[in-house]
Amino acid sequence: MRQPSRHAAGFTLVELMVTIAVLAILLASGIPAFASLIASNRLTSATNELIASLQTARTEALRRNARVTVCPAASGATACAGAWRDGWMAFVDPTPGNAPAPKRVDDILFRGGPAPHNITIVGNTPVSSYVSFTADGTSKLLSRAFQAGTLRVCSTATALGDDRRARHLVLTGAGRIVLKHPPTGVPSTCPSP
């Protein structure tokens, strides 16, 4: 008669159940943190893309010695329309009229966006429909008055707390873009500025 080995391979049912329970607890605590990480990364990515677009437009205005305007425009659009979250385009605007618009398709320098899912971008009145940089790098309205305002990039994802869901891109009259966190919590419905 053969004796069973003390080093038998495999798991007992109890060991398997304990392992599954520990795995379930780890997953339950890790998934909300992962959702928060994804929402935070989407917010950071959209904010960085918009900042880069505005800074590039300002640089192009200085380099070309001409006005460069950035306005909301969906992908493929040749006119300024829609919301910032749908995307934007930058174009050379040497003879600005009453409304920002490229004169020719060749005047369009680049496009950005659209914003990822759950990200909204809104601006207060001076920057709600466009941001324009003149040849000296300052931001000015089409009426030639200084342009300063705030664009809010925010996440409507419930995984982020009200104190972490928004970024403000503050445009100064000198044409600088300053990134700020809102001083108070932002509701999950976001908009404003």
C-alpha atoms as a PDB file:
ATOM      1  CA  MET A   1       0.000   0.000   0.000  1.00  0.00           C
ATOM      2  CA  ARG A   2       1.238   3.375  -0.971  1.00  0.00           C
ATOM      3  CA  GLN A   3       1.276   6.335   1.457  1.00  0.00           C
ATOM      4  CA  PRO A   4       0.037   9.726   0.118  1.00  0.00           C
ATOM      5  CA  SER A   5       2.756  12.344  -0.147  1.00  0.00           C
ATOM      6  CA  ARG A   6       2.787  15.175   2.340  1.00  0.00           C
ATOM      7  CA  HIS A   7       3.635  17.572  -0.513  1.00  0.00           C
ATOM      8  CA  ALA A   8       0.547  17.045  -2.634  1.00  0.00           C
ATOM      9  CA  ALA A   9       0.131  19.634  -5.404  1.00  0.00           C
ATOM     10  CA  GLY A  10      -2.948  21.850  -5.742  1.00  0.00           C
ATOM     11  CA  PHE A  11      -5.201  24.041  -3.647  1.00  0.00           C
ATOM     12  CA  THR A  12      -7.863  23.122  -1.188  1.00  0.00           C
ATOM     13  CA  LEU A  13     -11.323  24.541  -1.637  1.00  0.00           C
ATOM     14  CA  VAL A  14     -10.838  26.762   1.430  1.00  0.00           C
ATOM     15  CA  GLU A  15      -7.586  28.221   0.053  1.00  0.00           C
ATOM     16  CA  LEU A  16      -9.239  28.950  -3.292  1.00  0.00           C
ATOM     17  CA  MET A  17     -12.225  30.677  -1.635  1.00  0.00           C
ATOM     18  CA  VAL A  18      -9.930  32.841   0.523  1.00  0.00           C
ATOM     19  CA  THR A  19      -7.891  33.836  -2.539  1.00  0.00           C
ATOM     20  CA  ILE A  20     -11.021  34.812  -4.476  1.00  0.00           C
ATOM     21  CA  ALA A  21     -12.340  36.827  -1.509  1.00  0.00           C
ATOM     22  CA  VAL A  22      -9.037  38.738  -1.184  1.00  0.00           C
ATOM     23  CA  LEU A  23      -8.995  39.384  -4.942  1.00  0.00           C
ATOM     24  CA  ALA A  24     -12.593  40.690  -4.825  1.00  0.00           C
ATOM     25  CA  ILE A  25     -11.719  43.072  -1.979  1.00  0.00           C
ATOM     26  CA  LEU A  26      -8.666  44.392  -3.860  1.00  0.00           C
ATOM     27  CA  LEU A  27     -10.678  44.927  -7.043  1.00  0.00           C
ATOM     28  CA  ALA A  28     -13.510  46.658  -5.182  1.00  0.00           C
ATOM     29  CA  SER A  29     -11.106  49.130  -3.624  1.00  0.00           C
ATOM     30  CA  GLY A  30      -8.969  49.590  -6.751  1.00  0.00           C
ATOM     31  CA  ILE A  31     -11.608  50.261  -9.421  1.00  0.00           C
ATOM     32  CA  PRO A  32     -12.809  53.627  -8.018  1.00  0.00           C
ATOM     33  CA  ALA A  33      -9.203  54.792  -7.712  1.00  0.00           C
ATOM     34  CA  PHE A  34      -8.560  53.718 -11.307  1.00  0.00           C
ATOM     35  CA  ALA A  35     -11.670  55.603 -12.509  1.00  0.00           C
ATOM     36  CA  SER A  36     -10.410  58.703 -10.709  1.00  0.00           C
ATOM     37  CA  LEU A  37      -6.994  58.321 -12.336  1.00  0.00           C
ATOM     38  CA  ILE A  38      -8.534  58.030 -15.816  1.00  0.00           C
ATOM     39  CA  ALA A  39     -10.766  61.092 -15.284  1.00  0.00           C
ATOM     40  CA  SER A  40      -7.841  63.106 -13.928  1.00  0.00           C
ATOM     41  CA  ASN A  41      -5.636  62.151 -16.880  1.00  0.00           C
ATOM     42  CA  ARG A  42      -8.358  63.130 -19.372  1.00  0.00           C
ATOM     43  CA  LEU A  43      -8.710  66.516 -17.680  1.00  0.00           C
ATOM     44  CA  THR A  44      -4.940  67.078 -17.677  1.00  0.00           C
ATOM     45  CA  SER A  45      -4.620  65.994 -21.302  1.00  0.00           C
ATOM     46  CA  ALA A  46      -7.397  68.322 -22.531  1.00  0.00           C
ATOM     47  CA  THR A  47      -5.997  71.214 -20.498  1.00  0.00           C
ATOM     48  CA  ASN A  48      -2.474  70.696 -21.820  1.00  0.00           C
ATOM     49  CA  GLU A  49      -3.674  70.436 -25.414  1.00  0.00           C
ATOM     50  CA  LEU A  50      -5.594  73.717 -25.169  1.00  0.00           C
ATOM     51  CA  ILE A  51      -2.681  75.507 -23.465  1.00  0.00           C
ATOM     52  CA  ALA A  52      -0.276  74.232 -26.135  1.00  0.00           C
ATOM     53  CA  SER A  53      -2.622  75.394 -28.901  1.00  0.00           C
ATOM     54  CA  LEU A  54      -2.941  78.886 -27.433  1.00  0.00           C
ATOM     55  CA  GLN A  55       0.809  79.191 -26.857  1.00  0.00           C
ATOM     56  CA  THR A  56       1.533  77.953 -30.383  1.00  0.00           C
ATOM     57  CA  ALA A  57      -0.934  80.483 -31.821  1.00  0.00           C
ATOM     58  CA  ARG A  58       0.787  83.278 -29.905  1.00  0.00           C
ATOM     59  CA  THR A  59       4.194  82.112 -31.133  1.00  0.00           C
ATOM     60  CA  GLU A  60       2.903  81.981 -34.713  1.00  0.00           C
ATOM     61  CA  ALA A  61       1.542  85.532 -34.402  1.00  0.00           C
ATOM     62  CA  LEU A  62       4.979  86.736 -33.300  1.00  0.00           C
ATOM     63  CA  ARG A  63       6.809  84.680 -35.942  1.00  0.00           C
ATOM     64  CA  ARG A  64       4.546  85.689 -38.820  1.00  0.00           C
ATOM     65  CA  ASN A  65       4.140  89.287 -37.648  1.00  0.00           C
ATOM     66  CA  ALA A  66       0.384  88.897 -38.162  1.00  0.00           C
ATOM     67  CA  ARG A  67      -2.760  88.327 -36.107  1.00  0.00           C
ATOM     68  CA  VAL A  68      -3.481  84.662 -35.331  1.00  0.00           C
ATOM     69  CA  THR A  69      -6.876  83.684 -33.972  1.00  0.00           C
ATOM     70  CA  VAL A  70      -8.002  80.492 -32.237  1.00  0.00           C
ATOM     71  CA  CYS A  71     -11.723  79.728 -32.238  1.00  0.00           C
ATOM     72  CA  PRO A  72     -14.069  76.787 -31.592  1.00  0.00           C
ATOM     73  CA  ALA A  73     -14.540  74.698 -34.727  1.00  0.00           C
ATOM     74  CA  ALA A  74     -15.430  71.060 -35.185  1.00  0.00           C
ATOM     75  CA  SER A  75     -13.005  68.817 -37.024  1.00  0.00           C
ATOM     76  CA  GLY A  76     -12.967  69.671 -40.727  1.00  0.00           C
ATOM     77  CA  ALA A  77     -14.942  72.917 -40.307  1.00  0.00           C
ATOM     78  CA  THR A  78     -13.643  75.989 -42.125  1.00  0.00           C
ATOM     79  CA  ALA A  79     -15.592  78.502 -40.038  1.00  0.00           C
ATOM     80  CA  CYS A  80     -15.702  79.347 -36.342  1.00  0.00           C
ATOM     81  CA  ALA A  81     -18.764  77.701 -34.835  1.00  0.00           C
ATOM     82  CA  GLY A  82     -19.818  75.396 -32.052  1.00  0.00           C
ATOM     83  CA  ALA A  83     -18.320  74.921 -28.630  1.00  0.00           C
ATOM     84  CA  TRP A  84     -14.697  74.705 -27.477  1.00  0.00           C
ATOM     85  CA  ARG A  85     -15.226  71.068 -26.465  1.00  0.00           C
ATOM     86  CA  ASP A  86     -15.971  70.164 -30.120  1.00  0.00           C
ATOM     87  CA  GLY A  87     -12.476  71.229 -31.156  1.00  0.00           C
ATOM     88  CA  TRP A  88     -10.750  74.405 -32.305  1.00  0.00           C
ATOM     89  CA  MET A  89      -8.653  75.804 -35.106  1.00  0.00           C
ATOM     90  CA  ALA A  90      -5.964  78.455 -35.335  1.00  0.00           C
ATOM     91  CA  PHE A  91      -5.667  80.608 -38.412  1.00  0.00           C
ATOM     92  CA  VAL A  92      -3.860  83.665 -39.729  1.00  0.00           C
ATOM     93  CA  ASP A  93      -6.263  86.609 -39.608  1.00  0.00           C
ATOM     94  CA  PRO A  94      -4.424  89.600 -41.161  1.00  0.00           C
ATOM     95  CA  THR A  95      -7.603  91.588 -41.864  1.00  0.00           C
ATOM     96  CA  PRO A  96     -10.025  90.784 -39.051  1.00  0.00           C
ATOM     97  CA  GLY A  97     -13.644  91.651 -39.676  1.00  0.00           C
ATOM     98  CA  ASN A  98     -16.575  91.706 -37.282  1.00  0.00           C
ATOM     99  CA  ALA A  99     -16.426  87.960 -36.664  1.00  0.00           C
ATOM    100  CA  PRO A 100     -13.388  85.678 -36.568  1.00  0.00           C
ATOM    101  CA  ALA A 101     -13.067  83.540 -39.683  1.00  0.00           C
ATOM    102  CA  PRO A 102     -10.252  82.419 -41.956  1.00  0.00           C
ATOM    103  CA  LYS A 103     -10.324  84.139 -45.331  1.00  0.00           C
ATOM    104  CA  ARG A 104      -9.071  81.000 -47.117  1.00  0.00           C
ATOM    105  CA  VAL A 105      -8.631  77.369 -46.142  1.00  0.00           C
ATOM    106  CA  ASP A 106      -4.859  77.862 -46.545  1.00  0.00           C
ATOM    107  CA  ASP A 107      -4.929  80.350 -43.650  1.00  0.00           C
ATOM    108  CA  ILE A 108      -5.732  77.548 -41.164  1.00  0.00           C
ATOM    109  CA  LEU A 109      -2.517  76.712 -39.295  1.00  0.00           C
ATOM    110  CA  PHE A 110      -3.627  73.802 -37.102  1.00  0.00           C
ATOM    111  CA  ARG A 111      -6.542  72.193 -35.316  1.00  0.00           C
ATOM    112  CA  GLY A 112      -7.000  70.862 -31.795  1.00  0.00           C
ATOM    113  CA  GLY A 113      -9.503  68.771 -29.901  1.00  0.00           C
ATOM    114  CA  PRO A 114     -12.144  67.580 -29.627  1.00  0.00           C
ATOM    115  CA  ALA A 115     -12.132  67.220 -25.874  1.00  0.00           C
ATOM    116  CA  PRO A 116     -12.349  63.682 -24.452  1.00  0.00           C
ATOM    117  CA  HIS A 117     -15.600  62.224 -23.115  1.00  0.00           C
ATOM    118  CA  ASN A 118     -16.864  63.967 -19.926  1.00  0.00           C
ATOM    119  CA  ILE A 119     -14.706  67.077 -20.544  1.00  0.00           C
ATOM    120  CA  THR A 120     -16.295  70.468 -21.166  1.00  0.00           C
ATOM    121  CA  ILE A 121     -14.552  73.700 -22.098  1.00  0.00           C
ATOM    122  CA  VAL A 122     -16.290  77.048 -21.644  1.00  0.00           C
ATOM    123  CA  GLY A 123     -15.056  80.605 -21.629  1.00  0.00           C
ATOM    124  CA  ASN A 124     -16.358  83.799 -20.131  1.00  0.00           C
ATOM    125  CA  THR A 125     -17.582  86.533 -22.513  1.00  0.00           C
ATOM    126  CA  PRO A 126     -14.208  87.895 -23.724  1.00  0.00           C
ATOM    127  CA  VAL A 127     -12.971  84.419 -24.734  1.00  0.00           C
ATOM    128  CA  SER A 128     -16.195  82.476 -25.295  1.00  0.00           C
ATOM    129  CA  SER A 129     -15.987  82.604 -29.099  1.00  0.00           C
ATOM    130  CA  TYR A 130     -12.295  83.230 -29.877  1.00  0.00           C
ATOM    131  CA  VAL A 131      -8.832  84.155 -28.618  1.00  0.00           C
ATOM    132  CA  SER A 132      -6.782  86.401 -30.883  1.00  0.00           C
ATOM    133  CA  PHE A 133      -3.095  87.281 -30.706  1.00  0.00           C
ATOM    134  CA  THR A 134      -1.635  90.259 -32.538  1.00  0.00           C
ATOM    135  CA  ALA A 135       1.802  90.542 -34.145  1.00  0.00           C
ATOM    136  CA  ASP A 136       3.304  91.791 -30.860  1.00  0.00           C
ATOM    137  CA  GLY A 137       2.007  88.751 -28.928  1.00  0.00           C
ATOM    138  CA  THR A 138      -0.707  90.559 -26.995  1.00  0.00           C
ATOM    139  CA  SER A 139      -4.263  89.268 -26.967  1.00  0.00           C
ATOM    140  CA  LYS A 140      -6.775  91.659 -28.465  1.00  0.00           C
ATOM    141  CA  LEU A 141     -10.397  91.550 -29.480  1.00  0.00           C
ATOM    142  CA  LEU A 142     -11.237  92.174 -33.128  1.00  0.00           C
ATOM    143  CA  SER A 143     -12.177  95.714 -32.058  1.00  0.00           C
ATOM    144  CA  ARG A 144      -8.491  96.088 -31.033  1.00  0.00           C
ATOM    145  CA  ALA A 145      -9.363  96.343 -27.319  1.00  0.00           C
ATOM    146  CA  PHE A 146      -7.302  94.183 -24.963  1.00  0.00           C
ATOM    147  CA  GLN A 147      -8.664  90.673 -24.571  1.00  0.00           C
ATOM    148  CA  ALA A 148      -8.447  88.971 -21.186  1.00  0.00           C
ATOM    149  CA  GLY A 149     -10.627  86.191 -19.859  1.00  0.00           C
ATOM    150  CA  THR A 150     -10.891  82.695 -18.480  1.00  0.00           C
ATOM    151  CA  LEU A 151     -11.419  79.361 -20.190  1.00  0.00           C
ATOM    152  CA  ARG A 152     -12.580  76.610 -17.836  1.00  0.00           C
ATOM    153  CA  VAL A 153     -11.664  73.024 -18.643  1.00  0.00           C
ATOM    154  CA  CYS A 154     -13.635  70.689 -16.414  1.00  0.00           C
ATOM    155  CA  SER A 155     -14.580  67.074 -15.983  1.00  0.00           C
ATOM    156  CA  THR A 156     -18.164  66.033 -15.359  1.00  0.00           C
ATOM    157  CA  ALA A 157     -16.981  62.560 -14.313  1.00  0.00           C
ATOM    158  CA  THR A 158     -18.287  61.585 -10.894  1.00  0.00           C
ATOM    159  CA  ALA A 159     -14.952  59.932 -10.053  1.00  0.00           C
ATOM    160  CA  LEU A 160     -13.392  63.350  -9.353  1.00  0.00           C
ATOM    161  CA  GLY A 161     -14.194  65.439  -6.315  1.00  0.00           C
ATOM    162  CA  ASP A 162     -15.483  69.016  -6.675  1.00  0.00           C
ATOM    163  CA  ASP A 163     -12.081  70.374  -5.647  1.00  0.00           C
ATOM    164  CA  ARG A 164     -10.227  68.498  -8.426  1.00  0.00           C
ATOM    165  CA  ARG A 165     -12.555  68.664 -11.406  1.00  0.00           C
ATOM    166  CA  ALA A 166     -11.601  71.953 -13.108  1.00  0.00           C
ATOM    167  CA  ARG A 167      -8.691  74.037 -14.392  1.00  0.00           C
ATOM    168  CA  HIS A 168      -8.807  77.688 -15.372  1.00  0.00           C
ATOM    169  CA  LEU A 169      -6.739  79.001 -18.262  1.00  0.00           C
ATOM    170  CA  VAL A 170      -6.496  82.716 -17.568  1.00  0.00           C
ATOM    171  CA  LEU A 171      -5.606  84.836 -20.591  1.00  0.00           C
ATOM    172  CA  THR A 172      -3.942  88.109 -19.641  1.00  0.00           C
ATOM    173  CA  GLY A 173      -3.974  91.252 -21.785  1.00  0.00           C
ATOM    174  CA  ALA A 174      -0.277  90.680 -22.431  1.00  0.00           C
ATOM    175  CA  GLY A 175      -1.149  87.389 -24.144  1.00  0.00           C
ATOM    176  CA  ARG A 176       0.108  85.061 -21.425  1.00  0.00           C
ATOM    177  CA  ILE A 177      -1.836  81.958 -20.475  1.00  0.00           C
ATOM    178  CA  VAL A 178      -1.783  81.227 -16.750  1.00  0.00           C
ATOM    179  CA  LEU A 179      -3.031  77.879 -15.433  1.00  0.00           C
ATOM    180  CA  LYS A 180      -4.972  78.135 -12.163  1.00  0.00           C
ATOM    181  CA  HIS A 181      -7.065  75.829 -10.043  1.00  0.00           C
ATOM    182  CA  PRO A 182     -10.457  77.289  -9.089  1.00  0.00           C
ATOM    183  CA  PRO A 183     -10.350  78.659  -5.532  1.00  0.00           C
ATOM    184  CA  THR A 184     -13.502  76.783  -4.508  1.00  0.00           C
ATOM    185  CA  GLY A 185     -15.143  73.497  -5.408  1.00  0.00           C
ATOM    186  CA  VAL A 186     -16.744  73.172  -8.832  1.00  0.00           C
ATOM    187  CA  PRO A 187     -20.108  71.359  -9.139  1.00  0.00           C
ATOM    188  CA  SER A 188     -20.253  68.179 -11.214  1.00  0.00           C
ATOM    189  CA  THR A 189     -22.361  69.999 -13.822  1.00  0.00           C
ATOM    190  CA  CYS A 190     -19.352  72.319 -14.294  1.00  0.00           C
ATOM    191  CA  PRO A 191     -19.820  75.169 -16.803  1.00  0.00           C
ATOM    192  CA  SER A 192     -19.594  78.773 -15.564  1.00  0.00           C
ATOM    193  CA  PRO A 193     -16.913  81.294 -16.470  1.00  0.00           C
END
